[in-house]
Amino acid sequence: TLDNLHKAIQAPLEKHGIYYTFKMCSMSESGRNILKLQVWDMLGKDNDSQEFEESCFALPDESDMQKLGSCMTFASRYLFNCPIFVDRCVLLKTGF
């Protein structure tokens, strides 16, 4: 499950100073909801700076909360496994 994936990589990422969060916000132009994955590398390239990256996924306009929840779960999985996150955080830092 997505929760199992979060739990499995939490400690290795934190060991290397990498933290992430999901944030829901809206696009200013359209007001459409988006889900953002925000990733911080607290150690930076030379262990003295903080780096930040984010990826976004536009959510459908959905009034049914169950359907919206399903869309958010799909978006979380997609963002969490996106190449930027995998390359930057997992492969380079933890050796997975």
C-alpha atoms as a PDB file:
ATOM      1  CA  THR A   1       0.000   0.000   0.000  1.00  0.00           C
ATOM      2  CA  LEU A   2       0.972   3.640  -0.236  1.00  0.00           C
ATOM      3  CA  ASP A   3       1.164   3.785   3.551  1.00  0.00           C
ATOM      4  CA  ASN A   4       3.581   0.839   3.611  1.00  0.00           C
ATOM      5  CA  LEU A   5       5.796   2.599   1.069  1.00  0.00           C
ATOM      6  CA  HIS A   6       5.864   5.755   3.200  1.00  0.00           C
ATOM      7  CA  LYS A   7       6.797   3.751   6.280  1.00  0.00           C
ATOM      8  CA  ALA A   8       9.491   1.757   4.471  1.00  0.00           C
ATOM      9  CA  ILE A   9      11.433   4.743   3.174  1.00  0.00           C
ATOM     10  CA  GLN A  10      10.914   7.209   6.030  1.00  0.00           C
ATOM     11  CA  ALA A  11      13.970   6.260   8.095  1.00  0.00           C
ATOM     12  CA  PRO A  12      16.454   5.992   5.181  1.00  0.00           C
ATOM     13  CA  LEU A  13      15.360   9.369   3.814  1.00  0.00           C
ATOM     14  CA  GLU A  14      15.538  11.079   7.207  1.00  0.00           C
ATOM     15  CA  LYS A  15      18.997   9.570   7.748  1.00  0.00           C
ATOM     16  CA  HIS A  16      20.150  11.512   4.693  1.00  0.00           C
ATOM     17  CA  GLY A  17      18.298  14.711   5.556  1.00  0.00           C
ATOM     18  CA  ILE A  18      15.417  14.300   3.122  1.00  0.00           C
ATOM     19  CA  TYR A  19      11.897  15.190   4.168  1.00  0.00           C
ATOM     20  CA  TYR A  20       8.683  15.346   2.162  1.00  0.00           C
ATOM     21  CA  THR A  21       5.069  16.347   2.536  1.00  0.00           C
ATOM     22  CA  PHE A  22       1.936  16.475   0.437  1.00  0.00           C
ATOM     23  CA  LYS A  23       0.063  19.768   0.228  1.00  0.00           C
ATOM     24  CA  MET A  24      -3.292  20.480  -1.351  1.00  0.00           C
ATOM     25  CA  CYS A  25      -3.801  23.917  -2.896  1.00  0.00           C
ATOM     26  CA  SER A  26      -5.559  25.557  -5.791  1.00  0.00           C
ATOM     27  CA  MET A  27      -4.296  27.003  -9.050  1.00  0.00           C
ATOM     28  CA  SER A  28      -4.793  30.748  -8.989  1.00  0.00           C
ATOM     29  CA  GLU A  29      -5.925  31.026 -12.610  1.00  0.00           C
ATOM     30  CA  SER A  30      -8.611  28.348 -12.615  1.00  0.00           C
ATOM     31  CA  GLY A  31      -9.205  27.659  -8.941  1.00  0.00           C
ATOM     32  CA  ARG A  32      -8.703  23.966  -9.704  1.00  0.00           C
ATOM     33  CA  ASN A  33      -7.337  21.852  -6.836  1.00  0.00           C
ATOM     34  CA  ILE A  34      -3.849  20.431  -7.134  1.00  0.00           C
ATOM     35  CA  LEU A  35      -1.881  18.054  -4.959  1.00  0.00           C
ATOM     36  CA  LYS A  36       1.785  18.945  -4.454  1.00  0.00           C
ATOM     37  CA  LEU A  37       4.617  16.724  -3.322  1.00  0.00           C
ATOM     38  CA  GLN A  38       7.208  18.936  -1.668  1.00  0.00           C
ATOM     39  CA  VAL A  39      10.690  17.522  -1.006  1.00  0.00           C
ATOM     40  CA  TRP A  40      13.429  19.120   1.081  1.00  0.00           C
ATOM     41  CA  ASP A  41      17.055  18.053   1.089  1.00  0.00           C
ATOM     42  CA  MET A  42      18.113  19.606   4.368  1.00  0.00           C
ATOM     43  CA  LEU A  43      21.774  18.734   3.888  1.00  0.00           C
ATOM     44  CA  GLY A  44      22.166  20.048   0.369  1.00  0.00           C
ATOM     45  CA  LYS A  45      24.977  19.203  -1.997  1.00  0.00           C
ATOM     46  CA  ASP A  46      27.748  20.345   0.325  1.00  0.00           C
ATOM     47  CA  ASN A  47      25.997  19.602   3.628  1.00  0.00           C
ATOM     48  CA  ASP A  48      25.530  23.312   4.262  1.00  0.00           C
ATOM     49  CA  SER A  49      22.425  24.269   2.336  1.00  0.00           C
ATOM     50  CA  GLN A  50      18.781  23.365   1.933  1.00  0.00           C
ATOM     51  CA  GLU A  51      17.376  22.375  -1.459  1.00  0.00           C
ATOM     52  CA  PHE A  52      13.707  22.213  -2.369  1.00  0.00           C
ATOM     53  CA  GLU A  53      11.755  20.570  -5.177  1.00  0.00           C
ATOM     54  CA  GLU A  54       8.077  20.068  -5.810  1.00  0.00           C
ATOM     55  CA  SER A  55       5.868  18.212  -8.244  1.00  0.00           C
ATOM     56  CA  CYS A  56       2.181  18.902  -8.848  1.00  0.00           C
ATOM     57  CA  PHE A  57      -0.814  16.857  -9.974  1.00  0.00           C
ATOM     58  CA  ALA A  58      -4.054  18.563 -11.029  1.00  0.00           C
ATOM     59  CA  LEU A  59      -7.095  16.946  -9.437  1.00  0.00           C
ATOM     60  CA  PRO A  60     -10.430  16.689 -11.234  1.00  0.00           C
ATOM     61  CA  ASP A  61     -13.322  18.891 -10.209  1.00  0.00           C
ATOM     62  CA  GLU A  62     -15.221  16.370  -8.139  1.00  0.00           C
ATOM     63  CA  SER A  63     -17.975  17.016  -5.592  1.00  0.00           C
ATOM     64  CA  ASP A  64     -18.227  13.376  -4.483  1.00  0.00           C
ATOM     65  CA  MET A  65     -15.755  13.154  -1.591  1.00  0.00           C
ATOM     66  CA  GLN A  66     -15.184   9.419  -2.021  1.00  0.00           C
ATOM     67  CA  LYS A  67     -14.243   9.888  -5.674  1.00  0.00           C
ATOM     68  CA  LEU A  68     -12.052  12.860  -4.785  1.00  0.00           C
ATOM     69  CA  GLY A  69     -10.323  10.757  -2.123  1.00  0.00           C
ATOM     70  CA  SER A  70      -9.625   8.059  -4.695  1.00  0.00           C
ATOM     71  CA  CYS A  71      -8.194  10.669  -7.049  1.00  0.00           C
ATOM     72  CA  MET A  72      -5.979  12.025  -4.271  1.00  0.00           C
ATOM     73  CA  THR A  73      -4.682   8.525  -3.478  1.00  0.00           C
ATOM     74  CA  PHE A  74      -3.877   7.939  -7.150  1.00  0.00           C
ATOM     75  CA  ALA A  75      -2.191  11.351  -7.392  1.00  0.00           C
ATOM     76  CA  SER A  76      -0.144  10.631  -4.248  1.00  0.00           C
ATOM     77  CA  ARG A  77       1.079   7.342  -5.698  1.00  0.00           C
ATOM     78  CA  TYR A  78       1.898   8.990  -9.014  1.00  0.00           C
ATOM     79  CA  LEU A  79       3.771  11.898  -7.428  1.00  0.00           C
ATOM     80  CA  PHE A  80       5.540   9.698  -4.929  1.00  0.00           C
ATOM     81  CA  ASN A  81       6.904   7.484  -7.692  1.00  0.00           C
ATOM     82  CA  CYS A  82       7.701  10.278 -10.129  1.00  0.00           C
ATOM     83  CA  PRO A  83      11.204  10.280 -11.626  1.00  0.00           C
ATOM     84  CA  ILE A  84      12.277  13.477  -9.871  1.00  0.00           C
ATOM     85  CA  PHE A  85      11.536  12.033  -6.443  1.00  0.00           C
ATOM     86  CA  VAL A  86      13.026   8.630  -7.197  1.00  0.00           C
ATOM     87  CA  ASP A  87      16.183   9.982  -8.853  1.00  0.00           C
ATOM     88  CA  ARG A  88      16.814  12.810  -6.441  1.00  0.00           C
ATOM     89  CA  CYS A  89      15.917  11.289  -3.132  1.00  0.00           C
ATOM     90  CA  VAL A  90      16.004   7.563  -3.262  1.00  0.00           C
ATOM     91  CA  LEU A  91      18.673   6.535  -5.742  1.00  0.00           C
ATOM     92  CA  LEU A  92      21.214   9.274  -5.119  1.00  0.00           C
ATOM     93  CA  LYS A  93      20.935   9.492  -1.361  1.00  0.00           C
ATOM     94  CA  THR A  94      19.991   6.118   0.020  1.00  0.00           C
ATOM     95  CA  GLY A  95      21.338   3.682  -2.542  1.00  0.00           C
ATOM     96  CA  PHE A  96      17.992   1.945  -3.064  1.00  0.00           C
END
